[in-house]
Amino acid sequence: MQVKKDDIKNNILVVAERLFIKRGYENTSLKMIAEKCNISKSNIYRYYSSKEEIYETIVGPAREEILKSAPYFFSQEIINKSVMDKCEEVPAILAGLSGRFHSEILIMLRAEGGKDRMMIENMITDSFVSTCPIGKTESKALISKMLMFGLTDILTNYTDDDSLSSELRALICYHYLGLNGLKERNRK
């Protein structure tokens, strides 16, 4: 039975996506992908030039959407909204992104030291947490890491839209209400 080239190419992506989620990008090799696809490692090179190209094919569209959405998250418009409005609006947008790109975002977040994880972490540290009344960069980085851990944990444990939305709302409300608490404390 002849296997179509498109089927092999798509199977490589499906298998790579599963392995990237389970093992992480760094701990997944082309050899592992090939073995799970029941093809040789050299056969992968007929379809993709590298593991990086496979990764880019999988997560590239999610990255584009994140970069397209990011300016709103960090705009004066959202910064000036009430905490309760933020607790409704921000999780809804995140849930929408997570619903459309669940696996892709999870791969990005689980890629320790990966460029996409660093991009998201830097966005959070540089912009999302910029309203934090703490002046220490180290503290802002810690808050960013807590948000990253929360996002990763939510995407790891929840896949349905309702649960994603509920858990993201809890994380974001905690984040904003915690910041408000810090602001009040610093005013005294």
C-alpha atoms as a PDB file:
ATOM      1  CA  MET A   1       0.000   0.000   0.000  1.00  0.00           C
ATOM      2  CA  GLN A   2       1.368   3.370  -1.070  1.00  0.00           C
ATOM      3  CA  VAL A   3       1.422   6.054   1.634  1.00  0.00           C
ATOM      4  CA  LYS A   4       0.806   9.550   0.308  1.00  0.00           C
ATOM      5  CA  LYS A   5       3.539  12.126   0.871  1.00  0.00           C
ATOM      6  CA  ASP A   6       1.066  14.578   2.420  1.00  0.00           C
ATOM      7  CA  ASP A   7       0.009  11.902   4.905  1.00  0.00           C
ATOM      8  CA  ILE A   8       3.619  11.307   5.933  1.00  0.00           C
ATOM      9  CA  LYS A   9       4.296  15.030   6.204  1.00  0.00           C
ATOM     10  CA  ASN A  10       1.192  15.577   8.343  1.00  0.00           C
ATOM     11  CA  ASN A  11       1.976  12.543  10.495  1.00  0.00           C
ATOM     12  CA  ILE A  12       5.438  13.955  11.210  1.00  0.00           C
ATOM     13  CA  LEU A  13       3.783  17.150  12.500  1.00  0.00           C
ATOM     14  CA  VAL A  14       1.212  15.275  14.602  1.00  0.00           C
ATOM     15  CA  VAL A  15       3.845  13.028  16.165  1.00  0.00           C
ATOM     16  CA  ALA A  16       6.278  15.915  16.731  1.00  0.00           C
ATOM     17  CA  GLU A  17       3.532  17.981  18.370  1.00  0.00           C
ATOM     18  CA  ARG A  18       2.712  15.156  20.791  1.00  0.00           C
ATOM     19  CA  LEU A  19       6.385  14.601  21.626  1.00  0.00           C
ATOM     20  CA  PHE A  20       7.073  18.328  22.056  1.00  0.00           C
ATOM     21  CA  ILE A  21       4.176  18.533  24.505  1.00  0.00           C
ATOM     22  CA  LYS A  22       5.111  15.379  26.399  1.00  0.00           C
ATOM     23  CA  ARG A  23       8.912  15.613  26.415  1.00  0.00           C
ATOM     24  CA  GLY A  24       9.576  19.248  25.541  1.00  0.00           C
ATOM     25  CA  TYR A  25      11.229  20.547  22.394  1.00  0.00           C
ATOM     26  CA  GLU A  26      14.720  20.194  23.816  1.00  0.00           C
ATOM     27  CA  ASN A  27      14.219  16.558  24.821  1.00  0.00           C
ATOM     28  CA  THR A  28      12.716  15.443  21.518  1.00  0.00           C
ATOM     29  CA  SER A  29      15.022  14.297  18.758  1.00  0.00           C
ATOM     30  CA  LEU A  30      14.382  13.745  15.069  1.00  0.00           C
ATOM     31  CA  LYS A  31      15.205  10.096  15.700  1.00  0.00           C
ATOM     32  CA  MET A  32      12.340   9.874  18.231  1.00  0.00           C
ATOM     33  CA  ILE A  33       9.962  11.523  15.790  1.00  0.00           C
ATOM     34  CA  ALA A  34      11.027   9.158  13.005  1.00  0.00           C
ATOM     35  CA  GLU A  35      10.619   6.080  15.213  1.00  0.00           C
ATOM     36  CA  LYS A  36       7.089   7.112  16.257  1.00  0.00           C
ATOM     37  CA  CYS A  37       6.237   7.760  12.586  1.00  0.00           C
ATOM     38  CA  ASN A  38       7.670   4.383  11.539  1.00  0.00           C
ATOM     39  CA  ILE A  39      10.000   6.042   9.057  1.00  0.00           C
ATOM     40  CA  SER A  40      13.732   6.578   8.933  1.00  0.00           C
ATOM     41  CA  LYS A  41      15.300   9.750  10.261  1.00  0.00           C
ATOM     42  CA  SER A  42      16.632  10.461   6.768  1.00  0.00           C
ATOM     43  CA  ASN A  43      13.076  10.261   5.430  1.00  0.00           C
ATOM     44  CA  ILE A  44      12.105  13.186   7.675  1.00  0.00           C
ATOM     45  CA  TYR A  45      14.603  15.308   5.743  1.00  0.00           C
ATOM     46  CA  ARG A  46      12.522  14.781   2.586  1.00  0.00           C
ATOM     47  CA  TYR A  47       9.818  16.862   4.242  1.00  0.00           C
ATOM     48  CA  TYR A  48      11.555  19.103   6.765  1.00  0.00           C
ATOM     49  CA  SER A  49      15.108  20.396   6.810  1.00  0.00           C
ATOM     50  CA  SER A  50      15.393  20.287  10.619  1.00  0.00           C
ATOM     51  CA  LYS A  51      13.635  19.862  13.944  1.00  0.00           C
ATOM     52  CA  GLU A  52      13.478  23.674  14.065  1.00  0.00           C
ATOM     53  CA  GLU A  53      11.494  23.748  10.813  1.00  0.00           C
ATOM     54  CA  ILE A  54       9.035  21.227  12.251  1.00  0.00           C
ATOM     55  CA  TYR A  55       8.734  23.390  15.370  1.00  0.00           C
ATOM     56  CA  GLU A  56       8.206  26.530  13.289  1.00  0.00           C
ATOM     57  CA  THR A  57       5.533  24.838  11.198  1.00  0.00           C
ATOM     58  CA  ILE A  58       3.678  23.850  14.353  1.00  0.00           C
ATOM     59  CA  VAL A  59       3.996  26.996  16.495  1.00  0.00           C
ATOM     60  CA  GLY A  60       4.524  29.748  13.904  1.00  0.00           C
ATOM     61  CA  PRO A  61       0.817  30.628  13.486  1.00  0.00           C
ATOM     62  CA  ALA A  62       0.340  30.772  17.279  1.00  0.00           C
ATOM     63  CA  ARG A  63       3.327  33.099  17.647  1.00  0.00           C
ATOM     64  CA  GLU A  64       1.890  35.388  14.973  1.00  0.00           C
ATOM     65  CA  GLU A  65      -1.434  35.590  16.832  1.00  0.00           C
ATOM     66  CA  ILE A  66       0.312  36.261  20.155  1.00  0.00           C
ATOM     67  CA  LEU A  67       2.370  39.042  18.593  1.00  0.00           C
ATOM     68  CA  LYS A  68      -0.765  40.461  16.966  1.00  0.00           C
ATOM     69  CA  SER A  69      -2.669  40.408  20.284  1.00  0.00           C
ATOM     70  CA  ALA A  70       0.170  41.579  22.531  1.00  0.00           C
ATOM     71  CA  PRO A  71      -0.118  45.335  21.858  1.00  0.00           C
ATOM     72  CA  TYR A  72      -3.656  45.353  23.227  1.00  0.00           C
ATOM     73  CA  PHE A  73      -2.636  43.615  26.449  1.00  0.00           C
ATOM     74  CA  PHE A  74       0.005  46.255  27.015  1.00  0.00           C
ATOM     75  CA  SER A  75      -1.923  49.295  25.830  1.00  0.00           C
ATOM     76  CA  GLN A  76      -3.020  52.220  27.986  1.00  0.00           C
ATOM     77  CA  GLU A  77      -6.579  51.184  27.171  1.00  0.00           C
ATOM     78  CA  ILE A  78      -6.259  47.916  29.100  1.00  0.00           C
ATOM     79  CA  ILE A  79      -3.984  49.389  31.780  1.00  0.00           C
ATOM     80  CA  ASN A  80      -6.603  52.086  32.500  1.00  0.00           C
ATOM     81  CA  LYS A  81      -9.505  49.623  32.804  1.00  0.00           C
ATOM     82  CA  SER A  82     -10.912  48.730  36.183  1.00  0.00           C
ATOM     83  CA  VAL A  83      -9.626  45.582  37.832  1.00  0.00           C
ATOM     84  CA  MET A  84     -12.994  43.890  37.416  1.00  0.00           C
ATOM     85  CA  ASP A  85     -13.063  44.712  33.696  1.00  0.00           C
ATOM     86  CA  LYS A  86      -9.540  43.317  33.361  1.00  0.00           C
ATOM     87  CA  CYS A  87     -10.592  40.193  35.254  1.00  0.00           C
ATOM     88  CA  GLU A  88     -13.249  39.577  32.608  1.00  0.00           C
ATOM     89  CA  GLU A  89     -11.634  40.816  29.421  1.00  0.00           C
ATOM     90  CA  VAL A  90      -8.036  39.567  29.670  1.00  0.00           C
ATOM     91  CA  PRO A  91      -8.944  35.933  30.487  1.00  0.00           C
ATOM     92  CA  ALA A  92     -11.514  35.904  27.667  1.00  0.00           C
ATOM     93  CA  ILE A  93      -8.875  36.961  25.143  1.00  0.00           C
ATOM     94  CA  LEU A  94      -6.350  34.484  26.564  1.00  0.00           C
ATOM     95  CA  ALA A  95      -8.956  31.715  26.531  1.00  0.00           C
ATOM     96  CA  GLY A  96      -9.699  32.476  22.881  1.00  0.00           C
ATOM     97  CA  LEU A  97      -6.009  32.242  21.980  1.00  0.00           C
ATOM     98  CA  SER A  98      -5.590  29.121  24.112  1.00  0.00           C
ATOM     99  CA  GLY A  99      -8.631  27.495  22.579  1.00  0.00           C
ATOM    100  CA  ARG A 100      -7.395  28.050  19.023  1.00  0.00           C
ATOM    101  CA  PHE A 101      -3.721  27.319  19.699  1.00  0.00           C
ATOM    102  CA  HIS A 102      -3.783  25.126  22.803  1.00  0.00           C
ATOM    103  CA  SER A 103      -1.053  22.663  21.850  1.00  0.00           C
ATOM    104  CA  GLU A 104       1.093  25.247  20.133  1.00  0.00           C
ATOM    105  CA  ILE A 105       1.125  27.644  23.092  1.00  0.00           C
ATOM    106  CA  LEU A 106       1.775  24.764  25.480  1.00  0.00           C
ATOM    107  CA  ILE A 107       4.778  23.722  23.370  1.00  0.00           C
ATOM    108  CA  MET A 108       6.054  27.303  23.462  1.00  0.00           C
ATOM    109  CA  LEU A 109       5.634  27.591  27.233  1.00  0.00           C
ATOM    110  CA  ARG A 110       7.218  24.206  27.950  1.00  0.00           C
ATOM    111  CA  ALA A 111      10.306  24.930  25.842  1.00  0.00           C
ATOM    112  CA  GLU A 112      12.613  25.859  28.725  1.00  0.00           C
ATOM    113  CA  GLY A 113      14.994  28.526  27.497  1.00  0.00           C
ATOM    114  CA  GLY A 114      13.283  28.518  24.095  1.00  0.00           C
ATOM    115  CA  LYS A 115      12.967  31.758  22.168  1.00  0.00           C
ATOM    116  CA  ASP A 116       9.171  31.699  22.229  1.00  0.00           C
ATOM    117  CA  ARG A 117       8.967  31.055  25.955  1.00  0.00           C
ATOM    118  CA  MET A 118      11.445  33.883  26.525  1.00  0.00           C
ATOM    119  CA  MET A 119       9.429  36.138  24.209  1.00  0.00           C
ATOM    120  CA  ILE A 120       6.244  35.517  26.217  1.00  0.00           C
ATOM    121  CA  GLU A 121       8.048  35.839  29.539  1.00  0.00           C
ATOM    122  CA  ASN A 122       9.700  39.092  28.444  1.00  0.00           C
ATOM    123  CA  MET A 123       6.365  40.472  27.241  1.00  0.00           C
ATOM    124  CA  ILE A 124       4.879  39.734  30.638  1.00  0.00           C
ATOM    125  CA  THR A 125       7.869  41.065  32.559  1.00  0.00           C
ATOM    126  CA  ASP A 126       8.405  44.196  30.454  1.00  0.00           C
ATOM    127  CA  SER A 127       4.801  45.172  29.856  1.00  0.00           C
ATOM    128  CA  PHE A 128       2.119  43.181  31.635  1.00  0.00           C
ATOM    129  CA  VAL A 129       3.825  43.588  35.002  1.00  0.00           C
ATOM    130  CA  SER A 130       4.919  47.176  34.282  1.00  0.00           C
ATOM    131  CA  THR A 131       1.995  48.439  36.347  1.00  0.00           C
ATOM    132  CA  CYS A 132       3.424  46.647  39.362  1.00  0.00           C
ATOM    133  CA  PRO A 133       4.428  49.141  42.056  1.00  0.00           C
ATOM    134  CA  ILE A 134       7.575  47.164  42.845  1.00  0.00           C
ATOM    135  CA  GLY A 135      10.704  48.757  41.443  1.00  0.00           C
ATOM    136  CA  LYS A 136      12.941  45.707  41.618  1.00  0.00           C
ATOM    137  CA  THR A 137      13.381  43.970  38.268  1.00  0.00           C
ATOM    138  CA  GLU A 138      14.043  40.678  40.076  1.00  0.00           C
ATOM    139  CA  SER A 139      10.632  40.849  41.740  1.00  0.00           C
ATOM    140  CA  LYS A 140       8.912  41.575  38.445  1.00  0.00           C
ATOM    141  CA  ALA A 141      10.737  38.615  36.903  1.00  0.00           C
ATOM    142  CA  LEU A 142       9.474  36.420  39.755  1.00  0.00           C
ATOM    143  CA  ILE A 143       5.883  37.596  39.137  1.00  0.00           C
ATOM    144  CA  SER A 144       6.388  36.849  35.439  1.00  0.00           C
ATOM    145  CA  LYS A 145       7.618  33.345  36.246  1.00  0.00           C
ATOM    146  CA  MET A 146       4.576  32.738  38.461  1.00  0.00           C
ATOM    147  CA  LEU A 147       2.280  33.791  35.626  1.00  0.00           C
ATOM    148  CA  MET A 148       4.218  31.581  33.199  1.00  0.00           C
ATOM    149  CA  PHE A 149       3.930  28.644  35.584  1.00  0.00           C
ATOM    150  CA  GLY A 150       0.197  29.298  35.989  1.00  0.00           C
ATOM    151  CA  LEU A 151      -0.408  29.538  32.247  1.00  0.00           C
ATOM    152  CA  THR A 152       1.618  26.389  31.594  1.00  0.00           C
ATOM    153  CA  ASP A 153      -0.167  24.475  34.343  1.00  0.00           C
ATOM    154  CA  ILE A 154      -3.590  25.539  33.082  1.00  0.00           C
ATOM    155  CA  LEU A 155      -2.805  24.521  29.491  1.00  0.00           C
ATOM    156  CA  THR A 156      -1.333  21.229  30.700  1.00  0.00           C
ATOM    157  CA  ASN A 157      -4.354  20.280  32.786  1.00  0.00           C
ATOM    158  CA  TYR A 158      -7.342  21.792  30.965  1.00  0.00           C
ATOM    159  CA  THR A 159      -8.379  21.509  27.344  1.00  0.00           C
ATOM    160  CA  ASP A 160     -12.070  22.369  27.180  1.00  0.00           C
ATOM    161  CA  ASP A 161     -13.038  25.994  26.627  1.00  0.00           C
ATOM    162  CA  ASP A 162     -15.089  26.359  29.826  1.00  0.00           C
ATOM    163  CA  SER A 163     -12.332  25.053  32.098  1.00  0.00           C
ATOM    164  CA  LEU A 164      -9.657  27.074  30.293  1.00  0.00           C
ATOM    165  CA  SER A 165     -11.724  30.221  30.640  1.00  0.00           C
ATOM    166  CA  SER A 166     -12.508  29.590  34.317  1.00  0.00           C
ATOM    167  CA  GLU A 167      -8.920  28.805  35.293  1.00  0.00           C
ATOM    168  CA  LEU A 168      -7.488  31.701  33.301  1.00  0.00           C
ATOM    169  CA  ARG A 169      -9.980  34.060  34.943  1.00  0.00           C
ATOM    170  CA  ALA A 170      -8.871  32.857  38.379  1.00  0.00           C
ATOM    171  CA  LEU A 171      -5.177  33.339  37.508  1.00  0.00           C
ATOM    172  CA  ILE A 172      -5.629  36.788  35.987  1.00  0.00           C
ATOM    173  CA  CYS A 173      -7.923  38.026  38.766  1.00  0.00           C
ATOM    174  CA  TYR A 174      -5.424  36.843  41.341  1.00  0.00           C
ATOM    175  CA  HIS A 175      -2.700  38.641  39.432  1.00  0.00           C
ATOM    176  CA  TYR A 176      -4.596  41.931  39.246  1.00  0.00           C
ATOM    177  CA  LEU A 177      -6.034  41.837  42.720  1.00  0.00           C
ATOM    178  CA  GLY A 178      -2.595  41.010  44.071  1.00  0.00           C
ATOM    179  CA  LEU A 179      -1.162  44.042  42.309  1.00  0.00           C
ATOM    180  CA  ASN A 180      -3.912  46.228  43.738  1.00  0.00           C
ATOM    181  CA  GLY A 181      -3.077  44.928  47.198  1.00  0.00           C
ATOM    182  CA  LEU A 182       0.566  45.893  46.663  1.00  0.00           C
ATOM    183  CA  LYS A 183      -0.451  49.368  45.499  1.00  0.00           C
ATOM    184  CA  GLU A 184      -2.556  49.943  48.607  1.00  0.00           C
ATOM    185  CA  ARG A 185       0.237  48.704  50.867  1.00  0.00           C
ATOM    186  CA  ASN A 186       2.779  51.014  49.212  1.00  0.00           C
ATOM    187  CA  ARG A 187       0.511  54.075  49.607  1.00  0.00           C
ATOM    188  CA  LYS A 188       0.493  53.711  53.418  1.00  0.00           C
END
